[in-house]
């Protein structure tokens, strides 16, 4: 009986100490070889201070008239199962 009470108290105290962060075991785009920093792809003078504007060199489309490639936002690629997905299947570590 005392072991059960001790276990419950220990488990409840550890759950408040240890964070439960989702997706912490998946790779991060900013460390990927294909990630383009938002400061390098924003066409306007004032660059937003937000990593959500980062793009991915793995996914995009080419303009058939002028040949300019428009890359997709990394966040969109990570949320799409057909692209990189949450698990980061196209992830390659920067060297």
PDB file of N, CA and C in Angstrom:
ATOM      1  N   UNK A   1       0.805  -1.184   0.000  1.00  0.00           N
ATOM      2  CA  UNK A   1       0.000   0.000   0.000  1.00  0.00           C
ATOM      3  C   UNK A   1       0.862   1.267   0.000  1.00  0.00           C
ATOM      4  N   UNK A   2       1.906   1.275   0.838  1.00  0.00           N
ATOM      5  CA  UNK A   2       2.787   2.439   0.886  1.00  0.00           C
ATOM      6  C   UNK A   2       3.547   2.623  -0.424  1.00  0.00           C
ATOM      7  N   UNK A   3       3.875   1.504  -1.073  1.00  0.00           N
ATOM      8  CA  UNK A   3       4.572   1.593  -2.348  1.00  0.00           C
ATOM      9  C   UNK A   3       3.693   2.251  -3.406  1.00  0.00           C
ATOM     10  N   UNK A   4       2.428   1.947  -3.397  1.00  0.00           N
ATOM     11  CA  UNK A   4       1.492   2.537  -4.342  1.00  0.00           C
ATOM     12  C   UNK A   4       1.368   4.036  -4.108  1.00  0.00           C
ATOM     13  N   UNK A   5       1.236   4.439  -2.868  1.00  0.00           N
ATOM     14  CA  UNK A   5       1.134   5.871  -2.537  1.00  0.00           C
ATOM     15  C   UNK A   5       2.426   6.592  -2.910  1.00  0.00           C
ATOM     16  N   UNK A   6       3.561   5.989  -2.613  1.00  0.00           N
ATOM     17  CA  UNK A   6       4.857   6.576  -2.961  1.00  0.00           C
ATOM     18  C   UNK A   6       4.978   6.718  -4.475  1.00  0.00           C
ATOM     19  N   UNK A   7       4.565   5.700  -5.204  1.00  0.00           N
ATOM     20  CA  UNK A   7       4.632   5.731  -6.663  1.00  0.00           C
ATOM     21  C   UNK A   7       3.763   6.849  -7.230  1.00  0.00           C
ATOM     22  N   UNK A   8       2.567   7.008  -6.710  1.00  0.00           N
ATOM     23  CA  UNK A   8       1.654   8.055  -7.188  1.00  0.00           C
ATOM     24  C   UNK A   8       2.227   9.438  -6.912  1.00  0.00           C
ATOM     25  N   UNK A   9       2.772   9.635  -5.726  1.00  0.00           N
ATOM     26  CA  UNK A   9       3.369  10.930  -5.370  1.00  0.00           C
ATOM     27  C   UNK A   9       4.596  11.211  -6.241  1.00  0.00           C
ATOM     28  N   UNK A  10       5.434  10.215  -6.449  1.00  0.00           N
ATOM     29  CA  UNK A  10       6.632  10.378  -7.273  1.00  0.00           C
ATOM     30  C   UNK A  10       6.258  10.694  -8.711  1.00  0.00           C
ATOM     31  N   UNK A  11       5.297   9.966  -9.252  1.00  0.00           N
ATOM     32  CA  UNK A  11       4.884  10.187 -10.633  1.00  0.00           C
ATOM     33  C   UNK A  11       4.296  11.575 -10.813  1.00  0.00           C
ATOM     34  N   UNK A  12       3.476  12.031  -9.895  1.00  0.00           N
ATOM     35  CA  UNK A  12       2.868  13.359 -10.017  1.00  0.00           C
ATOM     36  C   UNK A  12       3.919  14.460  -9.896  1.00  0.00           C
ATOM     37  N   UNK A  13       4.919  14.271  -9.036  1.00  0.00           N
ATOM     38  CA  UNK A  13       5.958  15.295  -8.898  1.00  0.00           C
ATOM     39  C   UNK A  13       6.867  15.320 -10.114  1.00  0.00           C
ATOM     40  N   UNK A  14       7.169  14.172 -10.696  1.00  0.00           N
ATOM     41  CA  UNK A  14       8.002  14.135 -11.900  1.00  0.00           C
ATOM     42  C   UNK A  14       7.281  14.715 -13.100  1.00  0.00           C
ATOM     43  N   UNK A  15       5.992  14.522 -13.178  1.00  0.00           N
ATOM     44  CA  UNK A  15       5.244  15.050 -14.321  1.00  0.00           C
ATOM     45  C   UNK A  15       5.226  16.571 -14.316  1.00  0.00           C
ATOM     46  N   UNK A  16       5.341  17.195 -13.165  1.00  0.00           N
ATOM     47  CA  UNK A  16       5.394  18.652 -13.122  1.00  0.00           C
ATOM     48  C   UNK A  16       6.808  19.168 -13.378  1.00  0.00           C
ATOM     49  N   UNK A  17       7.821  18.350 -13.117  1.00  0.00           N
ATOM     50  CA  UNK A  17       9.209  18.755 -13.315  1.00  0.00           C
ATOM     51  C   UNK A  17       9.637  18.544 -14.772  1.00  0.00           C
ATOM     52  N   UNK A  18       9.343  17.375 -15.302  1.00  0.00           N
ATOM     53  CA  UNK A  18       9.765  17.041 -16.656  1.00  0.00           C
ATOM     54  C   UNK A  18       8.783  17.598 -17.683  1.00  0.00           C
ATOM     55  N   UNK A  19       9.251  18.380 -18.654  1.00  0.00           N
ATOM     56  CA  UNK A  19       8.333  18.922 -19.657  1.00  0.00           C
ATOM     57  C   UNK A  19       7.895  17.839 -20.647  1.00  0.00           C
ATOM     58  N   UNK A  20       6.715  18.005 -21.158  1.00  0.00           N
ATOM     59  CA  UNK A  20       6.188  17.085 -22.167  1.00  0.00           C
ATOM     60  C   UNK A  20       6.113  17.846 -23.487  1.00  0.00           C
ATOM     61  N   UNK A  21       7.218  17.914 -24.179  1.00  0.00           N
ATOM     62  CA  UNK A  21       7.303  18.678 -25.414  1.00  0.00           C
ATOM     63  C   UNK A  21       7.049  17.751 -26.593  1.00  0.00           C
ATOM     64  N   UNK A  22       6.046  18.096 -27.378  1.00  0.00           N
ATOM     65  CA  UNK A  22       5.711  17.294 -28.555  1.00  0.00           C
ATOM     66  C   UNK A  22       6.749  17.498 -29.643  1.00  0.00           C
ATOM     67  N   UNK A  23       6.963  16.493 -30.447  1.00  0.00           N
ATOM     68  CA  UNK A  23       7.839  16.521 -31.624  1.00  0.00           C
ATOM     69  C   UNK A  23       9.312  16.768 -31.301  1.00  0.00           C
ATOM     70  N   UNK A  24       9.714  16.603 -30.049  1.00  0.00           N
ATOM     71  CA  UNK A  24      11.105  16.886 -29.688  1.00  0.00           C
ATOM     72  C   UNK A  24      12.080  15.846 -30.240  1.00  0.00           C
ATOM     73  N   UNK A  25      11.576  14.736 -30.738  1.00  0.00           N
ATOM     74  CA  UNK A  25      12.457  13.703 -31.272  1.00  0.00           C
ATOM     75  C   UNK A  25      12.590  13.779 -32.795  1.00  0.00           C
ATOM     76  N   UNK A  26      11.995  14.789 -33.430  1.00  0.00           N
ATOM     77  CA  UNK A  26      12.088  14.942 -34.879  1.00  0.00           C
ATOM     78  C   UNK A  26      13.127  15.996 -35.235  1.00  0.00           C
ATOM     79  N   UNK A  27      13.706  15.912 -36.441  1.00  0.00           N
ATOM     80  CA  UNK A  27      14.713  16.909 -36.838  1.00  0.00           C
ATOM     81  C   UNK A  27      14.103  18.299 -37.018  1.00  0.00           C
ATOM     82  N   UNK A  28      14.943  19.316 -36.861  1.00  0.00           N
ATOM     83  CA  UNK A  28      14.524  20.708 -36.945  1.00  0.00           C
ATOM     84  C   UNK A  28      14.981  21.285 -38.287  1.00  0.00           C
ATOM     85  N   UNK A  29      14.090  21.965 -38.971  1.00  0.00           N
ATOM     86  CA  UNK A  29      14.370  22.487 -40.314  1.00  0.00           C
ATOM     87  C   UNK A  29      15.583  23.413 -40.358  1.00  0.00           C
ATOM     88  N   UNK A  30      15.764  24.226 -39.350  1.00  0.00           N
ATOM     89  CA  UNK A  30      16.859  25.198 -39.367  1.00  0.00           C
ATOM     90  C   UNK A  30      18.230  24.508 -39.434  1.00  0.00           C
ATOM     91  N   UNK A  31      18.302  23.243 -39.020  1.00  0.00           N
ATOM     92  CA  UNK A  31      19.552  22.480 -39.080  1.00  0.00           C
ATOM     93  C   UNK A  31      19.680  21.664 -40.363  1.00  0.00           C
ATOM     94  N   UNK A  32      18.727  21.819 -41.283  1.00  0.00           N
ATOM     95  CA  UNK A  32      18.697  21.023 -42.517  1.00  0.00           C
ATOM     96  C   UNK A  32      19.477  21.718 -43.627  1.00  0.00           C
ATOM     97  N   UNK A  33      20.100  20.932 -44.460  1.00  0.00           N
ATOM     98  CA  UNK A  33      20.859  21.412 -45.611  1.00  0.00           C
ATOM     99  C   UNK A  33      19.973  22.172 -46.593  1.00  0.00           C
ATOM    100  N   UNK A  34      18.716  21.831 -46.684  1.00  0.00           N
ATOM    101  CA  UNK A  34      17.792  22.410 -47.662  1.00  0.00           C
ATOM    102  C   UNK A  34      17.058  23.650 -47.164  1.00  0.00           C
ATOM    103  N   UNK A  35      17.285  24.036 -45.920  1.00  0.00           N
ATOM    104  CA  UNK A  35      16.573  25.180 -45.339  1.00  0.00           C
ATOM    105  C   UNK A  35      17.174  26.489 -45.825  1.00  0.00           C
ATOM    106  N   UNK A  36      16.314  27.422 -46.242  1.00  0.00           N
ATOM    107  CA  UNK A  36      16.735  28.761 -46.659  1.00  0.00           C
ATOM    108  C   UNK A  36      16.255  29.731 -45.587  1.00  0.00           C
ATOM    109  N   UNK A  37      17.185  30.433 -44.955  1.00  0.00           N
ATOM    110  CA  UNK A  37      16.842  31.401 -43.903  1.00  0.00           C
ATOM    111  C   UNK A  37      15.876  32.445 -44.448  1.00  0.00           C
ATOM    112  N   UNK A  38      14.971  32.900 -43.605  1.00  0.00           N
ATOM    113  CA  UNK A  38      13.989  33.885 -44.030  1.00  0.00           C
ATOM    114  C   UNK A  38      14.627  35.209 -44.439  1.00  0.00           C
ATOM    115  N   UNK A  39      15.807  35.506 -43.927  1.00  0.00           N
ATOM    116  CA  UNK A  39      16.481  36.754 -44.302  1.00  0.00           C
ATOM    117  C   UNK A  39      17.032  36.692 -45.721  1.00  0.00           C
ATOM    118  N   UNK A  40      17.172  35.495 -46.274  1.00  0.00           N
ATOM    119  CA  UNK A  40      17.703  35.341 -47.630  1.00  0.00           C
ATOM    120  C   UNK A  40      16.620  35.205 -48.693  1.00  0.00           C
ATOM    121  N   UNK A  41      15.368  35.161 -48.309  1.00  0.00           N
ATOM    122  CA  UNK A  41      14.336  34.953 -49.307  1.00  0.00           C
ATOM    123  C   UNK A  41      13.187  35.942 -49.237  1.00  0.00           C
ATOM    124  N   UNK A  42      13.301  36.945 -48.408  1.00  0.00           N
ATOM    125  CA  UNK A  42      12.216  37.914 -48.271  1.00  0.00           C
ATOM    126  C   UNK A  42      12.503  39.103 -49.175  1.00  0.00           C
ATOM    127  N   UNK A  43      11.633  39.400 -50.154  1.00  0.00           N
ATOM    128  CA  UNK A  43      11.950  40.390 -51.190  1.00  0.00           C
ATOM    129  C   UNK A  43      11.820  41.848 -50.770  1.00  0.00           C
ATOM    130  N   UNK A  44      11.357  42.139 -49.578  1.00  0.00           N
ATOM    131  CA  UNK A  44      11.119  43.523 -49.187  1.00  0.00           C
ATOM    132  C   UNK A  44      12.236  44.052 -48.292  1.00  0.00           C
ATOM    133  N   UNK A  45      12.266  45.359 -48.112  1.00  0.00           N
ATOM    134  CA  UNK A  45      13.333  45.994 -47.337  1.00  0.00           C
ATOM    135  C   UNK A  45      13.303  45.599 -45.866  1.00  0.00           C
ATOM    136  N   UNK A  46      12.137  45.591 -45.262  1.00  0.00           N
ATOM    137  CA  UNK A  46      12.056  45.256 -43.845  1.00  0.00           C
ATOM    138  C   UNK A  46      11.810  43.752 -43.701  1.00  0.00           C
ATOM    139  N   UNK A  47      12.792  43.062 -43.187  1.00  0.00           N
ATOM    140  CA  UNK A  47      12.729  41.615 -43.034  1.00  0.00           C
ATOM    141  C   UNK A  47      12.037  41.288 -41.718  1.00  0.00           C
ATOM    142  N   UNK A  48      10.993  40.439 -41.754  1.00  0.00           N
ATOM    143  CA  UNK A  48      10.349  40.069 -40.497  1.00  0.00           C
ATOM    144  C   UNK A  48      11.268  39.203 -39.653  1.00  0.00           C
ATOM    145  N   UNK A  49      11.215  39.377 -38.369  1.00  0.00           N
ATOM    146  CA  UNK A  49      12.059  38.605 -37.460  1.00  0.00           C
ATOM    147  C   UNK A  49      11.300  37.341 -37.048  1.00  0.00           C
ATOM    148  N   UNK A  50      11.146  36.413 -38.007  1.00  0.00           N
ATOM    149  CA  UNK A  50      10.349  35.232 -37.748  1.00  0.00           C
ATOM    150  C   UNK A  50      10.846  34.079 -38.613  1.00  0.00           C
ATOM    151  N   UNK A  51      11.211  32.968 -37.993  1.00  0.00           N
ATOM    152  CA  UNK A  51      11.707  31.810 -38.722  1.00  0.00           C
ATOM    153  C   UNK A  51      10.616  31.109 -39.530  1.00  0.00           C
ATOM    154  N   UNK A  52       9.350  31.453 -39.289  1.00  0.00           N
ATOM    155  CA  UNK A  52       8.257  30.831 -40.043  1.00  0.00           C
ATOM    156  C   UNK A  52       8.306  31.180 -41.526  1.00  0.00           C
ATOM    157  N   UNK A  53       9.078  32.202 -41.892  1.00  0.00           N
ATOM    158  CA  UNK A  53       9.204  32.584 -43.289  1.00  0.00           C
ATOM    159  C   UNK A  53      10.332  31.835 -43.993  1.00  0.00           C
ATOM    160  N   UNK A  54      11.010  30.905 -43.311  1.00  0.00           N
ATOM    161  CA  UNK A  54      12.053  30.104 -43.922  1.00  0.00           C
ATOM    162  C   UNK A  54      11.469  29.201 -44.995  1.00  0.00           C
ATOM    163  N   UNK A  55      12.256  28.934 -46.026  1.00  0.00           N
ATOM    164  CA  UNK A  55      11.787  28.112 -47.142  1.00  0.00           C
ATOM    165  C   UNK A  55      12.638  26.864 -47.283  1.00  0.00           C
ATOM    166  N   UNK A  56      12.170  25.944 -48.123  1.00  0.00           N
ATOM    167  CA  UNK A  56      12.851  24.669 -48.331  1.00  0.00           C
ATOM    168  C   UNK A  56      13.278  24.532 -49.794  1.00  0.00           C
ATOM    169  N   UNK A  57      14.564  24.267 -50.022  1.00  0.00           N
ATOM    170  CA  UNK A  57      15.078  24.107 -51.382  1.00  0.00           C
ATOM    171  C   UNK A  57      14.642  22.805 -52.038  1.00  0.00           C
ATOM    172  N   UNK A  58      14.063  21.899 -51.275  1.00  0.00           N
ATOM    173  CA  UNK A  58      13.632  20.601 -51.793  1.00  0.00           C
ATOM    174  C   UNK A  58      12.328  20.689 -52.573  1.00  0.00           C
ATOM    175  N   UNK A  59      11.491  21.669 -52.218  1.00  0.00           N
ATOM    176  CA  UNK A  59      10.151  21.752 -52.803  1.00  0.00           C
ATOM    177  C   UNK A  59       9.870  23.146 -53.338  1.00  0.00           C
ATOM    178  N   UNK A  60       9.334  23.213 -54.535  1.00  0.00           N
ATOM    179  CA  UNK A  60       8.978  24.478 -55.146  1.00  0.00           C
ATOM    180  C   UNK A  60       8.558  24.265 -56.579  1.00  0.00           C
ATOM    181  N   UNK A  61       8.439  25.354 -57.301  1.00  0.00           N
ATOM    182  CA  UNK A  61       8.103  25.251 -58.725  1.00  0.00           C
ATOM    183  C   UNK A  61       8.864  26.325 -59.483  1.00  0.00           C
ATOM    184  N   UNK A  62       9.104  26.061 -60.750  1.00  0.00           N
ATOM    185  CA  UNK A  62       9.852  26.992 -61.591  1.00  0.00           C
ATOM    186  C   UNK A  62       8.878  27.743 -62.491  1.00  0.00           C
ATOM    187  N   UNK A  63       9.106  29.026 -62.612  1.00  0.00           N
ATOM    188  CA  UNK A  63       8.318  29.850 -63.516  1.00  0.00           C
ATOM    189  C   UNK A  63       8.791  29.545 -64.933  1.00  0.00           C
ATOM    190  N   UNK A  64       7.907  29.088 -65.776  1.00  0.00           N
ATOM    191  CA  UNK A  64       8.274  28.667 -67.124  1.00  0.00           C
ATOM    192  C   UNK A  64       8.625  29.823 -68.047  1.00  0.00           C
ATOM    193  N   UNK A  65       8.320  31.026 -67.678  1.00  0.00           N
ATOM    194  CA  UNK A  65       8.637  32.191 -68.496  1.00  0.00           C
ATOM    195  C   UNK A  65      10.020  32.743 -68.172  1.00  0.00           C
ATOM    196  N   UNK A  66      10.283  32.996 -66.886  1.00  0.00           N
ATOM    197  CA  UNK A  66      11.552  33.628 -66.531  1.00  0.00           C
ATOM    198  C   UNK A  66      12.545  32.684 -65.847  1.00  0.00           C
ATOM    199  N   UNK A  67      12.134  31.468 -65.533  1.00  0.00           N
ATOM    200  CA  UNK A  67      13.036  30.478 -64.959  1.00  0.00           C
ATOM    201  C   UNK A  67      13.320  30.644 -63.475  1.00  0.00           C
ATOM    202  N   UNK A  68      12.633  31.562 -62.818  1.00  0.00           N
ATOM    203  CA  UNK A  68      12.846  31.778 -61.382  1.00  0.00           C
ATOM    204  C   UNK A  68      12.132  30.686 -60.595  1.00  0.00           C
ATOM    205  N   UNK A  69      12.845  30.121 -59.623  1.00  0.00           N
ATOM    206  CA  UNK A  69      12.261  29.080 -58.780  1.00  0.00           C
ATOM    207  C   UNK A  69      11.652  29.725 -57.546  1.00  0.00           C
ATOM    208  N   UNK A  70      10.404  29.382 -57.284  1.00  0.00           N
ATOM    209  CA  UNK A  70       9.723  29.849 -56.079  1.00  0.00           C
ATOM    210  C   UNK A  70       9.629  28.672 -55.113  1.00  0.00           C
ATOM    211  N   UNK A  71      10.424  28.713 -54.055  1.00  0.00           N
ATOM    212  CA  UNK A  71      10.452  27.635 -53.080  1.00  0.00           C
ATOM    213  C   UNK A  71       9.287  27.752 -52.110  1.00  0.00           C
ATOM    214  N   UNK A  72       8.868  26.623 -51.564  1.00  0.00           N
ATOM    215  CA  UNK A  72       7.760  26.604 -50.610  1.00  0.00           C
ATOM    216  C   UNK A  72       8.267  26.885 -49.201  1.00  0.00           C
ATOM    217  N   UNK A  73       7.374  27.387 -48.369  1.00  0.00           N
ATOM    218  CA  UNK A  73       7.727  27.632 -46.979  1.00  0.00           C
ATOM    219  C   UNK A  73       7.984  26.298 -46.279  1.00  0.00           C
ATOM    220  N   UNK A  74       9.006  26.267 -45.455  1.00  0.00           N
ATOM    221  CA  UNK A  74       9.388  25.038 -44.750  1.00  0.00           C
ATOM    222  C   UNK A  74       8.256  24.527 -43.867  1.00  0.00           C
ATOM    223  N   UNK A  75       7.521  25.417 -43.257  1.00  0.00           N
ATOM    224  CA  UNK A  75       6.431  25.012 -42.379  1.00  0.00           C
ATOM    225  C   UNK A  75       5.347  24.266 -43.159  1.00  0.00           C
ATOM    226  N   UNK A  76       5.073  24.696 -44.366  1.00  0.00           N
ATOM    227  CA  UNK A  76       4.083  24.011 -45.202  1.00  0.00           C
ATOM    228  C   UNK A  76       4.595  22.627 -45.591  1.00  0.00           C
ATOM    229  N   UNK A  77       5.877  22.524 -45.918  1.00  0.00           N
ATOM    230  CA  UNK A  77       6.468  21.230 -46.286  1.00  0.00           C
ATOM    231  C   UNK A  77       6.428  20.250 -45.120  1.00  0.00           C
ATOM    232  N   UNK A  78       6.656  20.733 -43.915  1.00  0.00           N
ATOM    233  CA  UNK A  78       6.654  19.851 -42.743  1.00  0.00           C
ATOM    234  C   UNK A  78       5.252  19.409 -42.359  1.00  0.00           C
ATOM    235  N   UNK A  79       4.243  20.179 -42.723  1.00  0.00           N
ATOM    236  CA  UNK A  79       2.862  19.807 -42.414  1.00  0.00           C
ATOM    237  C   UNK A  79       2.232  18.943 -43.505  1.00  0.00           C
ATOM    238  N   UNK A  80       2.929  18.726 -44.612  1.00  0.00           N
ATOM    239  CA  UNK A  80       2.396  17.947 -45.728  1.00  0.00           C
ATOM    240  C   UNK A  80       3.049  16.566 -45.750  1.00  0.00           C
ATOM    241  N   UNK A  81       2.245  15.519 -45.605  1.00  0.00           N
ATOM    242  CA  UNK A  81       2.761  14.150 -45.582  1.00  0.00           C
ATOM    243  C   UNK A  81       3.397  13.744 -46.909  1.00  0.00           C
ATOM    244  N   UNK A  82       2.992  14.377 -47.998  1.00  0.00           N
ATOM    245  CA  UNK A  82       3.532  14.038 -49.312  1.00  0.00           C
ATOM    246  C   UNK A  82       4.874  14.715 -49.569  1.00  0.00           C
ATOM    247  N   UNK A  83       5.243  15.627 -48.713  1.00  0.00           N
ATOM    248  CA  UNK A  83       6.528  16.318 -48.854  1.00  0.00           C
ATOM    249  C   UNK A  83       7.460  15.824 -47.751  1.00  0.00           C
ATOM    250  N   UNK A  84       7.899  16.660 -46.879  1.00  0.00           N
ATOM    251  CA  UNK A  84       8.820  16.248 -45.811  1.00  0.00           C
ATOM    252  C   UNK A  84       8.074  15.636 -44.628  1.00  0.00           C
ATOM    253  N   UNK A  85       6.921  16.156 -44.330  1.00  0.00           N
ATOM    254  CA  UNK A  85       6.120  15.623 -43.233  1.00  0.00           C
ATOM    255  C   UNK A  85       6.681  15.970 -41.864  1.00  0.00           C
ATOM    256  N   UNK A  86       5.923  15.646 -40.855  1.00  0.00           N
ATOM    257  CA  UNK A  86       6.320  15.943 -39.479  1.00  0.00           C
ATOM    258  C   UNK A  86       7.618  15.230 -39.111  1.00  0.00           C
ATOM    259  N   UNK A  87       7.809  14.023 -39.632  1.00  0.00           N
ATOM    260  CA  UNK A  87       9.001  13.254 -39.283  1.00  0.00           C
ATOM    261  C   UNK A  87      10.254  13.741 -39.989  1.00  0.00           C
ATOM    262  N   UNK A  88      10.111  14.584 -41.011  1.00  0.00           N
ATOM    263  CA  UNK A  88      11.284  15.125 -41.721  1.00  0.00           C
ATOM    264  C   UNK A  88      11.979  14.103 -42.596  1.00  0.00           C
ATOM    265  N   UNK A  89      11.233  13.423 -43.469  1.00  0.00           N
ATOM    266  CA  UNK A  89      11.812  12.340 -44.268  1.00  0.00           C
ATOM    267  C   UNK A  89      12.851  12.828 -45.281  1.00  0.00           C
ATOM    268  N   UNK A  90      12.797  14.099 -45.644  1.00  0.00           N
ATOM    269  CA  UNK A  90      13.775  14.657 -46.598  1.00  0.00           C
ATOM    270  C   UNK A  90      14.923  15.386 -45.886  1.00  0.00           C
ATOM    271  N   UNK A  91      14.943  15.331 -44.585  1.00  0.00           N
ATOM    272  CA  UNK A  91      15.933  16.049 -43.783  1.00  0.00           C
ATOM    273  C   UNK A  91      17.342  15.533 -44.050  1.00  0.00           C
ATOM    274  N   UNK A  92      18.275  16.464 -44.229  1.00  0.00           N
ATOM    275  CA  UNK A  92      19.710  16.150 -44.346  1.00  0.00           C
ATOM    276  C   UNK A  92      20.467  17.131 -43.450  1.00  0.00           C
ATOM    277  N   UNK A  93      21.243  16.595 -42.542  1.00  0.00           N
ATOM    278  CA  UNK A  93      22.002  17.408 -41.585  1.00  0.00           C
ATOM    279  C   UNK A  93      23.014  18.292 -42.303  1.00  0.00           C
ATOM    280  N   UNK A  94      23.123  19.574 -41.887  1.00  0.00           N
ATOM    281  CA  UNK A  94      24.161  20.471 -42.419  1.00  0.00           C
ATOM    282  C   UNK A  94      25.526  19.963 -41.973  1.00  0.00           C
ATOM    283  N   UNK A  95      26.497  20.077 -42.821  1.00  0.00           N
ATOM    284  CA  UNK A  95      27.857  19.638 -42.476  1.00  0.00           C
ATOM    285  C   UNK A  95      28.674  20.803 -41.967  1.00  0.00           C
TER     286      UNK A  95
END
